[in-house]
Amino acid sequence: MNFITFYQNLRTKISDEDGMLLVHNGIVKGGSREGKAVKKVTVRVNWDKLEEILEIYRKTEGISLVEAYIREGELYVGDDIMFLGVAGDVRENVINTLQAVLDRIKKEVTQKQEI
């Protein structure tokens, strides 16, 4: 899946009540947070935990849609790792929900080894 396909799929699912659709695109970067060079990453995903988290946030007041696509395996600099989309009624609800879901995915769902 690519970003355009992910985005277009989300657009077909939002309603007339939604005032914002926010999409995050995580990309493999060429350096770690510690400043070390990165050539590739290996990503592992806990799919059951991902679905559990998405279901929790889909029930958030003002939120109509929470979807994620994560690539697993060996990925190289410039490759897309994850797409995360959140739609809802107002900006504050959507931004806060996307941040919360993203933080939980990074902490509880994905394991990434930089090489």
PDB file of N, CA and C in Angstrom:
ATOM      1  N   MET A   1       0.850  -1.176   0.000  1.00  0.00           N
ATOM      2  CA  MET A   1       0.000   0.000   0.000  1.00  0.00           C
ATOM      3  C   MET A   1       0.895   1.238   0.000  1.00  0.00           C
ATOM      4  N   ASN A   2       0.461   2.258  -0.715  1.00  0.00           N
ATOM      5  CA  ASN A   2       1.185   3.525  -0.699  1.00  0.00           C
ATOM      6  C   ASN A   2       0.324   4.593  -0.026  1.00  0.00           C
ATOM      7  N   PHE A   3       0.930   5.755   0.196  1.00  0.00           N
ATOM      8  CA  PHE A   3       0.263   6.825   0.924  1.00  0.00           C
ATOM      9  C   PHE A   3      -1.031   7.272   0.237  1.00  0.00           C
ATOM     10  N   ILE A   4      -0.975   7.425  -1.067  1.00  0.00           N
ATOM     11  CA  ILE A   4      -2.156   7.900  -1.810  1.00  0.00           C
ATOM     12  C   ILE A   4      -3.318   6.930  -1.657  1.00  0.00           C
ATOM     13  N   THR A   5      -3.053   5.654  -1.780  1.00  0.00           N
ATOM     14  CA  THR A   5      -4.107   4.640  -1.629  1.00  0.00           C
ATOM     15  C   THR A   5      -4.675   4.679  -0.217  1.00  0.00           C
ATOM     16  N   PHE A   6      -3.798   4.773   0.784  1.00  0.00           N
ATOM     17  CA  PHE A   6      -4.244   4.838   2.175  1.00  0.00           C
ATOM     18  C   PHE A   6      -5.148   6.057   2.377  1.00  0.00           C
ATOM     19  N   TYR A   7      -4.691   7.205   1.929  1.00  0.00           N
ATOM     20  CA  TYR A   7      -5.452   8.444   2.079  1.00  0.00           C
ATOM     21  C   TYR A   7      -6.807   8.373   1.359  1.00  0.00           C
ATOM     22  N   GLN A   8      -6.793   7.916   0.124  1.00  0.00           N
ATOM     23  CA  GLN A   8      -8.044   7.824  -0.639  1.00  0.00           C
ATOM     24  C   GLN A   8      -9.036   6.886   0.035  1.00  0.00           C
ATOM     25  N   ASN A   9      -8.538   5.797   0.607  1.00  0.00           N
ATOM     26  CA  ASN A   9      -9.405   4.867   1.322  1.00  0.00           C
ATOM     27  C   ASN A   9     -10.042   5.554   2.536  1.00  0.00           C
ATOM     28  N   LEU A  10      -9.255   6.323   3.270  1.00  0.00           N
ATOM     29  CA  LEU A  10      -9.797   7.052   4.415  1.00  0.00           C
ATOM     30  C   LEU A  10     -10.860   8.044   3.986  1.00  0.00           C
ATOM     31  N   ARG A  11     -10.605   8.767   2.903  1.00  0.00           N
ATOM     32  CA  ARG A  11     -11.554   9.786   2.424  1.00  0.00           C
ATOM     33  C   ARG A  11     -12.922   9.190   2.101  1.00  0.00           C
ATOM     34  N   THR A  12     -12.961   7.937   1.656  1.00  0.00           N
ATOM     35  CA  THR A  12     -14.249   7.313   1.345  1.00  0.00           C
ATOM     36  C   THR A  12     -15.028   6.945   2.602  1.00  0.00           C
ATOM     37  N   LYS A  13     -14.350   6.930   3.750  1.00  0.00           N
ATOM     38  CA  LYS A  13     -14.990   6.486   4.993  1.00  0.00           C
ATOM     39  C   LYS A  13     -15.447   7.618   5.901  1.00  0.00           C
ATOM     40  N   ILE A  14     -15.028   8.862   5.634  1.00  0.00           N
ATOM     41  CA  ILE A  14     -15.414   9.945   6.535  1.00  0.00           C
ATOM     42  C   ILE A  14     -16.840  10.405   6.235  1.00  0.00           C
ATOM     43  N   SER A  15     -17.432  11.066   7.225  1.00  0.00           N
ATOM     44  CA  SER A  15     -18.825  11.499   7.094  1.00  0.00           C
ATOM     45  C   SER A  15     -18.929  13.015   6.970  1.00  0.00           C
ATOM     46  N   ASP A  16     -20.139  13.487   6.796  1.00  0.00           N
ATOM     47  CA  ASP A  16     -20.392  14.922   6.711  1.00  0.00           C
ATOM     48  C   ASP A  16     -20.145  15.622   8.044  1.00  0.00           C
ATOM     49  N   GLU A  17     -20.072  14.882   9.124  1.00  0.00           N
ATOM     50  CA  GLU A  17     -19.834  15.444  10.451  1.00  0.00           C
ATOM     51  C   GLU A  17     -18.348  15.652  10.736  1.00  0.00           C
ATOM     52  N   ASP A  18     -17.486  15.076   9.909  1.00  0.00           N
ATOM     53  CA  ASP A  18     -16.049  15.177  10.126  1.00  0.00           C
ATOM     54  C   ASP A  18     -15.515  16.491   9.582  1.00  0.00           C
ATOM     55  N   GLY A  19     -14.748  17.194  10.431  1.00  0.00           N
ATOM     56  CA  GLY A  19     -14.157  18.459  10.025  1.00  0.00           C
ATOM     57  C   GLY A  19     -12.661  18.369   9.805  1.00  0.00           C
ATOM     58  N   MET A  20     -12.082  17.199  10.123  1.00  0.00           N
ATOM     59  CA  MET A  20     -10.637  17.067   9.946  1.00  0.00           C
ATOM     60  C   MET A  20     -10.260  15.609   9.742  1.00  0.00           C
ATOM     61  N   LEU A  21      -9.331  15.421   8.822  1.00  0.00           N
ATOM     62  CA  LEU A  21      -8.679  14.132   8.610  1.00  0.00           C
ATOM     63  C   LEU A  21      -7.184  14.403   8.695  1.00  0.00           C
ATOM     64  N   LEU A  22      -6.529  13.752   9.640  1.00  0.00           N
ATOM     65  CA  LEU A  22      -5.100  13.946   9.849  1.00  0.00           C
ATOM     66  C   LEU A  22      -4.401  12.626   9.565  1.00  0.00           C
ATOM     67  N   VAL A  23      -3.346  12.678   8.745  1.00  0.00           N
ATOM     68  CA  VAL A  23      -2.630  11.464   8.362  1.00  0.00           C
ATOM     69  C   VAL A  23      -1.149  11.615   8.681  1.00  0.00           C
ATOM     70  N   HIS A  24      -0.622  10.626   9.369  1.00  0.00           N
ATOM     71  CA  HIS A  24       0.801  10.557   9.701  1.00  0.00           C
ATOM     72  C   HIS A  24       1.459   9.555   8.766  1.00  0.00           C
ATOM     73  N   ASN A  25       2.645   9.897   8.258  1.00  0.00           N
ATOM     74  CA  ASN A  25       3.426   8.995   7.405  1.00  0.00           C
ATOM     75  C   ASN A  25       4.815   8.866   8.016  1.00  0.00           C
ATOM     76  N   GLY A  26       5.082   7.735   8.678  1.00  0.00           N
ATOM     77  CA  GLY A  26       6.393   7.474   9.257  1.00  0.00           C
ATOM     78  C   GLY A  26       7.328   6.921   8.195  1.00  0.00           C
ATOM     79  N   ILE A  27       8.541   7.449   8.124  1.00  0.00           N
ATOM     80  CA  ILE A  27       9.512   7.100   7.082  1.00  0.00           C
ATOM     81  C   ILE A  27      10.831   6.716   7.741  1.00  0.00           C
ATOM     82  N   VAL A  28      11.511   5.711   7.187  1.00  0.00           N
ATOM     83  CA  VAL A  28      12.832   5.337   7.682  1.00  0.00           C
ATOM     84  C   VAL A  28      13.794   6.481   7.369  1.00  0.00           C
ATOM     85  N   LYS A  29      14.462   6.972   8.413  1.00  0.00           N
ATOM     86  CA  LYS A  29      15.414   8.063   8.210  1.00  0.00           C
ATOM     87  C   LYS A  29      16.839   7.545   8.325  1.00  0.00           C
ATOM     88  N   GLY A  30      17.764   8.290   7.788  1.00  0.00           N
ATOM     89  CA  GLY A  30      19.148   7.863   7.689  1.00  0.00           C
ATOM     90  C   GLY A  30      19.983   8.065   8.936  1.00  0.00           C
ATOM     91  N   GLY A  31      19.355   8.475  10.031  1.00  0.00           N
ATOM     92  CA  GLY A  31      20.083   8.664  11.276  1.00  0.00           C
ATOM     93  C   GLY A  31      19.198   8.379  12.475  1.00  0.00           C
ATOM     94  N   SER A  32      19.802   7.864  13.531  1.00  0.00           N
ATOM     95  CA  SER A  32      19.058   7.569  14.750  1.00  0.00           C
ATOM     96  C   SER A  32      18.888   8.848  15.574  1.00  0.00           C
ATOM     97  N   ARG A  33      18.091   8.776  16.614  1.00  0.00           N
ATOM     98  CA  ARG A  33      17.928   9.917  17.523  1.00  0.00           C
ATOM     99  C   ARG A  33      19.236  10.259  18.212  1.00  0.00           C
ATOM    100  N   GLU A  34      20.108   9.256  18.328  1.00  0.00           N
ATOM    101  CA  GLU A  34      21.412   9.467  18.968  1.00  0.00           C
ATOM    102  C   GLU A  34      22.459   9.982  17.987  1.00  0.00           C
ATOM    103  N   GLY A  35      22.093  10.162  16.729  1.00  0.00           N
ATOM    104  CA  GLY A  35      23.013  10.700  15.736  1.00  0.00           C
ATOM    105  C   GLY A  35      23.818   9.661  14.977  1.00  0.00           C
ATOM    106  N   LYS A  36      23.517   8.380  15.166  1.00  0.00           N
ATOM    107  CA  LYS A  36      24.240   7.325  14.445  1.00  0.00           C
ATOM    108  C   LYS A  36      23.617   7.107  13.069  1.00  0.00           C
ATOM    109  N   ALA A  37      24.458   6.758  12.093  1.00  0.00           N
ATOM    110  CA  ALA A  37      23.970   6.485  10.740  1.00  0.00           C
ATOM    111  C   ALA A  37      23.114   5.215  10.739  1.00  0.00           C
ATOM    112  N   VAL A  38      22.057   5.233   9.939  1.00  0.00           N
ATOM    113  CA  VAL A  38      21.156   4.083   9.797  1.00  0.00           C
ATOM    114  C   VAL A  38      21.058   3.750   8.319  1.00  0.00           C
ATOM    115  N   LYS A  39      21.251   2.466   7.975  1.00  0.00           N
ATOM    116  CA  LYS A  39      21.107   2.006   6.596  1.00  0.00           C
ATOM    117  C   LYS A  39      19.750   1.361   6.366  1.00  0.00           C
ATOM    118  N   LYS A  40      19.264   0.671   7.411  1.00  0.00           N
ATOM    119  CA  LYS A  40      17.968  -0.002   7.317  1.00  0.00           C
ATOM    120  C   LYS A  40      17.451  -0.269   8.723  1.00  0.00           C
ATOM    121  N   VAL A  41      16.190  -0.658   8.808  1.00  0.00           N
ATOM    122  CA  VAL A  41      15.596  -1.044  10.078  1.00  0.00           C
ATOM    123  C   VAL A  41      14.847  -2.357   9.886  1.00  0.00           C
ATOM    124  N   THR A  42      14.743  -3.100  10.967  1.00  0.00           N
ATOM    125  CA  THR A  42      13.897  -4.281  10.991  1.00  0.00           C
ATOM    126  C   THR A  42      12.736  -3.967  11.922  1.00  0.00           C
ATOM    127  N   VAL A  43      11.526  -4.115  11.423  1.00  0.00           N
ATOM    128  CA  VAL A  43      10.331  -3.763  12.183  1.00  0.00           C
ATOM    129  C   VAL A  43       9.507  -5.021  12.451  1.00  0.00           C
ATOM    130  N   ARG A  44       9.082  -5.172  13.697  1.00  0.00           N
ATOM    131  CA  ARG A  44       8.181  -6.246  14.110  1.00  0.00           C
ATOM    132  C   ARG A  44       6.917  -5.592  14.664  1.00  0.00           C
ATOM    133  N   VAL A  45       5.767  -6.225  14.411  1.00  0.00           N
ATOM    134  CA  VAL A  45       4.482  -5.651  14.806  1.00  0.00           C
ATOM    135  C   VAL A  45       3.683  -6.663  15.621  1.00  0.00           C
ATOM    136  N   ASN A  46       3.123  -6.207  16.734  1.00  0.00           N
ATOM    137  CA  ASN A  46       2.176  -6.996  17.511  1.00  0.00           C
ATOM    138  C   ASN A  46       0.783  -6.632  16.987  1.00  0.00           C
ATOM    139  N   TRP A  47       0.286  -7.424  16.055  1.00  0.00           N
ATOM    140  CA  TRP A  47      -0.960  -7.103  15.352  1.00  0.00           C
ATOM    141  C   TRP A  47      -2.174  -7.098  16.277  1.00  0.00           C
ATOM    142  N   ASP A  48      -2.211  -8.013  17.240  1.00  0.00           N
ATOM    143  CA  ASP A  48      -3.345  -8.053  18.176  1.00  0.00           C
ATOM    144  C   ASP A  48      -3.397  -6.784  19.024  1.00  0.00           C
ATOM    145  N   LYS A  49      -2.249  -6.343  19.505  1.00  0.00           N
ATOM    146  CA  LYS A  49      -2.185  -5.128  20.316  1.00  0.00           C
ATOM    147  C   LYS A  49      -2.561  -3.905  19.478  1.00  0.00           C
ATOM    148  N   LEU A  50      -2.133  -3.890  18.219  1.00  0.00           N
ATOM    149  CA  LEU A  50      -2.497  -2.786  17.334  1.00  0.00           C
ATOM    150  C   LEU A  50      -4.007  -2.675  17.214  1.00  0.00           C
ATOM    151  N   GLU A  51      -4.669  -3.772  16.952  1.00  0.00           N
ATOM    152  CA  GLU A  51      -6.124  -3.749  16.789  1.00  0.00           C
ATOM    153  C   GLU A  51      -6.813  -3.328  18.087  1.00  0.00           C
ATOM    154  N   GLU A  52      -6.286  -3.779  19.208  1.00  0.00           N
ATOM    155  CA  GLU A  52      -6.841  -3.395  20.514  1.00  0.00           C
ATOM    156  C   GLU A  52      -6.764  -1.875  20.702  1.00  0.00           C
ATOM    157  N   ILE A  53      -5.633  -1.300  20.401  1.00  0.00           N
ATOM    158  CA  ILE A  53      -5.450   0.150  20.550  1.00  0.00           C
ATOM    159  C   ILE A  53      -6.353   0.919  19.596  1.00  0.00           C
ATOM    160  N   LEU A  54      -6.413   0.489  18.342  1.00  0.00           N
ATOM    161  CA  LEU A  54      -7.277   1.173  17.378  1.00  0.00           C
ATOM    162  C   LEU A  54      -8.730   1.150  17.827  1.00  0.00           C
ATOM    163  N   GLU A  55      -9.181   0.011  18.337  1.00  0.00           N
ATOM    164  CA  GLU A  55     -10.573  -0.112  18.797  1.00  0.00           C
ATOM    165  C   GLU A  55     -10.859   0.837  19.959  1.00  0.00           C
ATOM    166  N   ILE A  56      -9.925   0.963  20.876  1.00  0.00           N
ATOM    167  CA  ILE A  56     -10.109   1.880  22.009  1.00  0.00           C
ATOM    168  C   ILE A  56     -10.322   3.305  21.514  1.00  0.00           C
ATOM    169  N   TYR A  57      -9.483   3.762  20.615  1.00  0.00           N
ATOM    170  CA  TYR A  57      -9.540   5.159  20.168  1.00  0.00           C
ATOM    171  C   TYR A  57     -10.658   5.413  19.169  1.00  0.00           C
ATOM    172  N   ARG A  58     -11.156   4.380  18.527  1.00  0.00           N
ATOM    173  CA  ARG A  58     -12.326   4.549  17.645  1.00  0.00           C
ATOM    174  C   ARG A  58     -13.565   4.927  18.445  1.00  0.00           C
ATOM    175  N   LYS A  59     -13.545   4.658  19.740  1.00  0.00           N
ATOM    176  CA  LYS A  59     -14.678   4.969  20.617  1.00  0.00           C
ATOM    177  C   LYS A  59     -14.544   6.334  21.285  1.00  0.00           C
ATOM    178  N   THR A  60     -13.485   7.064  20.971  1.00  0.00           N
ATOM    179  CA  THR A  60     -13.258   8.385  21.554  1.00  0.00           C
ATOM    180  C   THR A  60     -14.317   9.363  21.058  1.00  0.00           C
ATOM    181  N   GLU A  61     -14.832  10.178  21.977  1.00  0.00           N
ATOM    182  CA  GLU A  61     -15.838  11.168  21.607  1.00  0.00           C
ATOM    183  C   GLU A  61     -15.285  12.116  20.550  1.00  0.00           C
ATOM    184  N   GLY A  62     -16.051  12.324  19.502  1.00  0.00           N
ATOM    185  CA  GLY A  62     -15.662  13.228  18.426  1.00  0.00           C
ATOM    186  C   GLY A  62     -14.830  12.573  17.339  1.00  0.00           C
ATOM    187  N   ILE A  63     -14.465  11.310  17.524  1.00  0.00           N
ATOM    188  CA  ILE A  63     -13.627  10.602  16.552  1.00  0.00           C
ATOM    189  C   ILE A  63     -14.489   9.598  15.788  1.00  0.00           C
ATOM    190  N   SER A  64     -14.383   9.632  14.469  1.00  0.00           N
ATOM    191  CA  SER A  64     -15.178   8.722  13.639  1.00  0.00           C
ATOM    192  C   SER A  64     -14.335   7.632  12.987  1.00  0.00           C
ATOM    193  N   LEU A  65     -13.003   7.842  12.929  1.00  0.00           N
ATOM    194  CA  LEU A  65     -12.165   6.917  12.170  1.00  0.00           C
ATOM    195  C   LEU A  65     -10.751   6.899  12.735  1.00  0.00           C
ATOM    196  N   VAL A  66     -10.218   5.699  12.938  1.00  0.00           N
ATOM    197  CA  VAL A  66      -8.818   5.523  13.309  1.00  0.00           C
ATOM    198  C   VAL A  66      -8.332   4.293  12.554  1.00  0.00           C
ATOM    199  N   GLU A  67      -7.400   4.488  11.635  1.00  0.00           N
ATOM    200  CA  GLU A  67      -6.873   3.397  10.813  1.00  0.00           C
ATOM    201  C   GLU A  67      -5.354   3.463  10.778  1.00  0.00           C
ATOM    202  N   ALA A  68      -4.723   2.293  10.702  1.00  0.00           N
ATOM    203  CA  ALA A  68      -3.265   2.249  10.621  1.00  0.00           C
ATOM    204  C   ALA A  68      -2.831   1.159   9.649  1.00  0.00           C
ATOM    205  N   TYR A  69      -1.724   1.411   9.000  1.00  0.00           N
ATOM    206  CA  TYR A  69      -1.058   0.434   8.132  1.00  0.00           C
ATOM    207  C   TYR A  69       0.421   0.477   8.499  1.00  0.00           C
ATOM    208  N   ILE A  70       0.963  -0.663   8.902  1.00  0.00           N
ATOM    209  CA  ILE A  70       2.367  -0.731   9.300  1.00  0.00           C
ATOM    210  C   ILE A  70       3.055  -1.813   8.481  1.00  0.00           C
ATOM    211  N   ARG A  71       4.209  -1.480   7.953  1.00  0.00           N
ATOM    212  CA  ARG A  71       5.014  -2.460   7.216  1.00  0.00           C
ATOM    213  C   ARG A  71       5.938  -3.166   8.189  1.00  0.00           C
ATOM    214  N   GLU A  72       6.017  -4.465   8.041  1.00  0.00           N
ATOM    215  CA  GLU A  72       6.844  -5.282   8.911  1.00  0.00           C
ATOM    216  C   GLU A  72       7.988  -5.865   8.098  1.00  0.00           C
ATOM    217  N   GLY A  73       9.128  -6.090   8.759  1.00  0.00           N
ATOM    218  CA  GLY A  73      10.269  -6.689   8.090  1.00  0.00           C
ATOM    219  C   GLY A  73      11.402  -5.704   7.920  1.00  0.00           C
ATOM    220  N   GLU A  74      12.221  -5.956   6.908  1.00  0.00           N
ATOM    221  CA  GLU A  74      13.407  -5.151   6.651  1.00  0.00           C
ATOM    222  C   GLU A  74      13.047  -3.975   5.733  1.00  0.00           C
ATOM    223  N   LEU A  75      13.321  -2.762   6.208  1.00  0.00           N
ATOM    224  CA  LEU A  75      12.998  -1.555   5.458  1.00  0.00           C
ATOM    225  C   LEU A  75      14.243  -0.681   5.363  1.00  0.00           C
ATOM    226  N   TYR A  76      14.361   0.066   4.280  1.00  0.00           N
ATOM    227  CA  TYR A  76      15.545   0.875   4.012  1.00  0.00           C
ATOM    228  C   TYR A  76      15.232   2.365   4.108  1.00  0.00           C
ATOM    229  N   VAL A  77      16.270   3.168   4.245  1.00  0.00           N
ATOM    230  CA  VAL A  77      16.123   4.620   4.348  1.00  0.00           C
ATOM    231  C   VAL A  77      15.238   5.120   3.198  1.00  0.00           C
ATOM    232  N   GLY A  78      14.242   5.907   3.560  1.00  0.00           N
ATOM    233  CA  GLY A  78      13.295   6.439   2.576  1.00  0.00           C
ATOM    234  C   GLY A  78      12.022   5.630   2.446  1.00  0.00           C
ATOM    235  N   ASP A  79      12.022   4.389   2.943  1.00  0.00           N
ATOM    236  CA  ASP A  79      10.814   3.549   2.882  1.00  0.00           C
ATOM    237  C   ASP A  79       9.771   4.045   3.881  1.00  0.00           C
ATOM    238  N   ASP A  80       8.509   3.913   3.517  1.00  0.00           N
ATOM    239  CA  ASP A  80       7.419   4.188   4.446  1.00  0.00           C
ATOM    240  C   ASP A  80       7.349   3.053   5.463  1.00  0.00           C
ATOM    241  N   ILE A  81       7.234   3.407   6.733  1.00  0.00           N
ATOM    242  CA  ILE A  81       7.060   2.410   7.790  1.00  0.00           C
ATOM    243  C   ILE A  81       5.587   2.307   8.152  1.00  0.00           C
ATOM    244  N   MET A  82       4.955   3.468   8.371  1.00  0.00           N
ATOM    245  CA  MET A  82       3.595   3.446   8.892  1.00  0.00           C
ATOM    246  C   MET A  82       2.783   4.610   8.358  1.00  0.00           C
ATOM    247  N   PHE A  83       1.505   4.311   8.134  1.00  0.00           N
ATOM    248  CA  PHE A  83       0.504   5.340   7.872  1.00  0.00           C
ATOM    249  C   PHE A  83      -0.507   5.242   9.008  1.00  0.00           C
ATOM    250  N   LEU A  84      -0.902   6.373   9.562  1.00  0.00           N
ATOM    251  CA  LEU A  84      -1.908   6.421  10.615  1.00  0.00           C
ATOM    252  C   LEU A  84      -2.859   7.547  10.277  1.00  0.00           C
ATOM    253  N   GLY A  85      -4.133   7.252  10.241  1.00  0.00           N
ATOM    254  CA  GLY A  85      -5.135   8.259   9.922  1.00  0.00           C
ATOM    255  C   GLY A  85      -6.189   8.353  11.003  1.00  0.00           C
ATOM    256  N   VAL A  86      -6.550   9.582  11.342  1.00  0.00           N
ATOM    257  CA  VAL A  86      -7.597   9.839  12.331  1.00  0.00           C
ATOM    258  C   VAL A  86      -8.506  10.922  11.771  1.00  0.00           C
ATOM    259  N   ALA A  87      -9.810  10.681  11.838  1.00  0.00           N
ATOM    260  CA  ALA A  87     -10.795  11.670  11.393  1.00  0.00           C
ATOM    261  C   ALA A  87     -11.771  11.931  12.531  1.00  0.00           C
ATOM    262  N   GLY A  88     -12.284  13.161  12.560  1.00  0.00           N
ATOM    263  CA  GLY A  88     -13.244  13.499  13.591  1.00  0.00           C
ATOM    264  C   GLY A  88     -13.831  14.870  13.404  1.00  0.00           C
ATOM    265  N   ASP A  89     -14.524  15.290  14.437  1.00  0.00           N
ATOM    266  CA  ASP A  89     -15.320  16.503  14.348  1.00  0.00           C
ATOM    267  C   ASP A  89     -14.500  17.792  14.341  1.00  0.00           C
ATOM    268  N   VAL A  90     -13.586  17.939  15.305  1.00  0.00           N
ATOM    269  CA  VAL A  90     -12.828  19.189  15.399  1.00  0.00           C
ATOM    270  C   VAL A  90     -11.338  18.908  15.566  1.00  0.00           C
ATOM    271  N   ARG A  91     -10.567  19.915  15.237  1.00  0.00           N
ATOM    272  CA  ARG A  91      -9.106  19.816  15.225  1.00  0.00           C
ATOM    273  C   ARG A  91      -8.530  19.278  16.535  1.00  0.00           C
ATOM    274  N   GLU A  92      -8.965  19.813  17.667  1.00  0.00           N
ATOM    275  CA  GLU A  92      -8.393  19.408  18.948  1.00  0.00           C
ATOM    276  C   GLU A  92      -8.576  17.911  19.197  1.00  0.00           C
ATOM    277  N   ASN A  93      -9.744  17.403  18.907  1.00  0.00           N
ATOM    278  CA  ASN A  93     -10.003  15.977  19.120  1.00  0.00           C
ATOM    279  C   ASN A  93      -9.141  15.106  18.207  1.00  0.00           C
ATOM    280  N   VAL A  94      -9.018  15.503  16.963  1.00  0.00           N
ATOM    281  CA  VAL A  94      -8.271  14.706  15.988  1.00  0.00           C
ATOM    282  C   VAL A  94      -6.769  14.734  16.287  1.00  0.00           C
ATOM    283  N   ILE A  95      -6.222  15.903  16.534  1.00  0.00           N
ATOM    284  CA  ILE A  95      -4.783  16.015  16.812  1.00  0.00           C
ATOM    285  C   ILE A  95      -4.421  15.246  18.081  1.00  0.00           C
ATOM    286  N   ASN A  96      -5.198  15.436  19.142  1.00  0.00           N
ATOM    287  CA  ASN A  96      -4.908  14.750  20.401  1.00  0.00           C
ATOM    288  C   ASN A  96      -5.012  13.232  20.262  1.00  0.00           C
ATOM    289  N   THR A  97      -5.987  12.776  19.510  1.00  0.00           N
ATOM    290  CA  THR A  97      -6.157  11.333  19.322  1.00  0.00           C
ATOM    291  C   THR A  97      -5.034  10.768  18.487  1.00  0.00           C
ATOM    292  N   LEU A  98      -4.656  11.439  17.411  1.00  0.00           N
ATOM    293  CA  LEU A  98      -3.544  10.936  16.598  1.00  0.00           C
ATOM    294  C   LEU A  98      -2.272  10.838  17.437  1.00  0.00           C
ATOM    295  N   GLN A  99      -1.982  11.837  18.238  1.00  0.00           N
ATOM    296  CA  GLN A  99      -0.786  11.819  19.082  1.00  0.00           C
ATOM    297  C   GLN A  99      -0.829  10.650  20.064  1.00  0.00           C
ATOM    298  N   ALA A 100      -1.980  10.437  20.688  1.00  0.00           N
ATOM    299  CA  ALA A 100      -2.113   9.355  21.676  1.00  0.00           C
ATOM    300  C   ALA A 100      -1.953   7.985  21.027  1.00  0.00           C
ATOM    301  N   VAL A 101      -2.587   7.795  19.886  1.00  0.00           N
ATOM    302  CA  VAL A 101      -2.487   6.506  19.179  1.00  0.00           C
ATOM    303  C   VAL A 101      -1.059   6.274  18.713  1.00  0.00           C
ATOM    304  N   LEU A 102      -0.439   7.279  18.140  1.00  0.00           N
ATOM    305  CA  LEU A 102       0.935   7.151  17.657  1.00  0.00           C
ATOM    306  C   LEU A 102       1.889   6.798  18.799  1.00  0.00           C
ATOM    307  N   ASP A 103       1.749   7.474  19.917  1.00  0.00           N
ATOM    308  CA  ASP A 103       2.608   7.177  21.068  1.00  0.00           C
ATOM    309  C   ASP A 103       2.434   5.729  21.532  1.00  0.00           C
ATOM    310  N   ARG A 104       1.201   5.266  21.597  1.00  0.00           N
ATOM    311  CA  ARG A 104       0.963   3.890  22.046  1.00  0.00           C
ATOM    312  C   ARG A 104       1.483   2.868  21.039  1.00  0.00           C
ATOM    313  N   ILE A 105       1.334   3.143  19.756  1.00  0.00           N
ATOM    314  CA  ILE A 105       1.863   2.221  18.738  1.00  0.00           C
ATOM    315  C   ILE A 105       3.374   2.121  18.881  1.00  0.00           C
ATOM    316  N   LYS A 106       4.045   3.251  19.019  1.00  0.00           N
ATOM    317  CA  LYS A 106       5.507   3.252  19.139  1.00  0.00           C
ATOM    318  C   LYS A 106       5.972   2.507  20.396  1.00  0.00           C
ATOM    319  N   LYS A 107       5.221   2.614  21.487  1.00  0.00           N
ATOM    320  CA  LYS A 107       5.613   1.993  22.755  1.00  0.00           C
ATOM    321  C   LYS A 107       5.163   0.539  22.886  1.00  0.00           C
ATOM    322  N   GLU A 108       3.975   0.218  22.347  1.00  0.00           N
ATOM    323  CA  GLU A 108       3.354  -1.077  22.649  1.00  0.00           C
ATOM    324  C   GLU A 108       3.202  -2.020  21.458  1.00  0.00           C
ATOM    325  N   VAL A 109       3.313  -1.509  20.257  1.00  0.00           N
ATOM    326  CA  VAL A 109       2.996  -2.316  19.077  1.00  0.00           C
ATOM    327  C   VAL A 109       4.222  -2.668  18.243  1.00  0.00           C
ATOM    328  N   THR A 110       5.073  -1.699  17.992  1.00  0.00           N
ATOM    329  CA  THR A 110       6.209  -1.939  17.096  1.00  0.00           C
ATOM    330  C   THR A 110       7.512  -2.075  17.859  1.00  0.00           C
ATOM    331  N   GLN A 111       8.355  -2.933  17.324  1.00  0.00           N
ATOM    332  CA  GLN A 111       9.726  -3.054  17.783  1.00  0.00           C
ATOM    333  C   GLN A 111      10.603  -2.785  16.576  1.00  0.00           C
ATOM    334  N   LYS A 112      11.540  -1.875  16.720  1.00  0.00           N
ATOM    335  CA  LYS A 112      12.366  -1.459  15.588  1.00  0.00           C
ATOM    336  C   LYS A 112      13.839  -1.608  15.958  1.00  0.00           C
ATOM    337  N   GLN A 113      14.561  -2.294  15.098  1.00  0.00           N
ATOM    338  CA  GLN A 113      16.013  -2.402  15.271  1.00  0.00           C
ATOM    339  C   GLN A 113      16.683  -1.657  14.125  1.00  0.00           C
ATOM    340  N   GLU A 114      17.490  -0.655  14.481  1.00  0.00           N
ATOM    341  CA  GLU A 114      18.214   0.129  13.475  1.00  0.00           C
ATOM    342  C   GLU A 114      19.544  -0.540  13.173  1.00  0.00           C
ATOM    343  N   ILE A 115      19.875  -0.609  11.892  1.00  0.00           N
ATOM    344  CA  ILE A 115      21.111  -1.233  11.455  1.00  0.00           C
ATOM    345  C   ILE A 115      21.930  -0.234  10.672  1.00  0.00           C
TER     346      ILE A 115
END
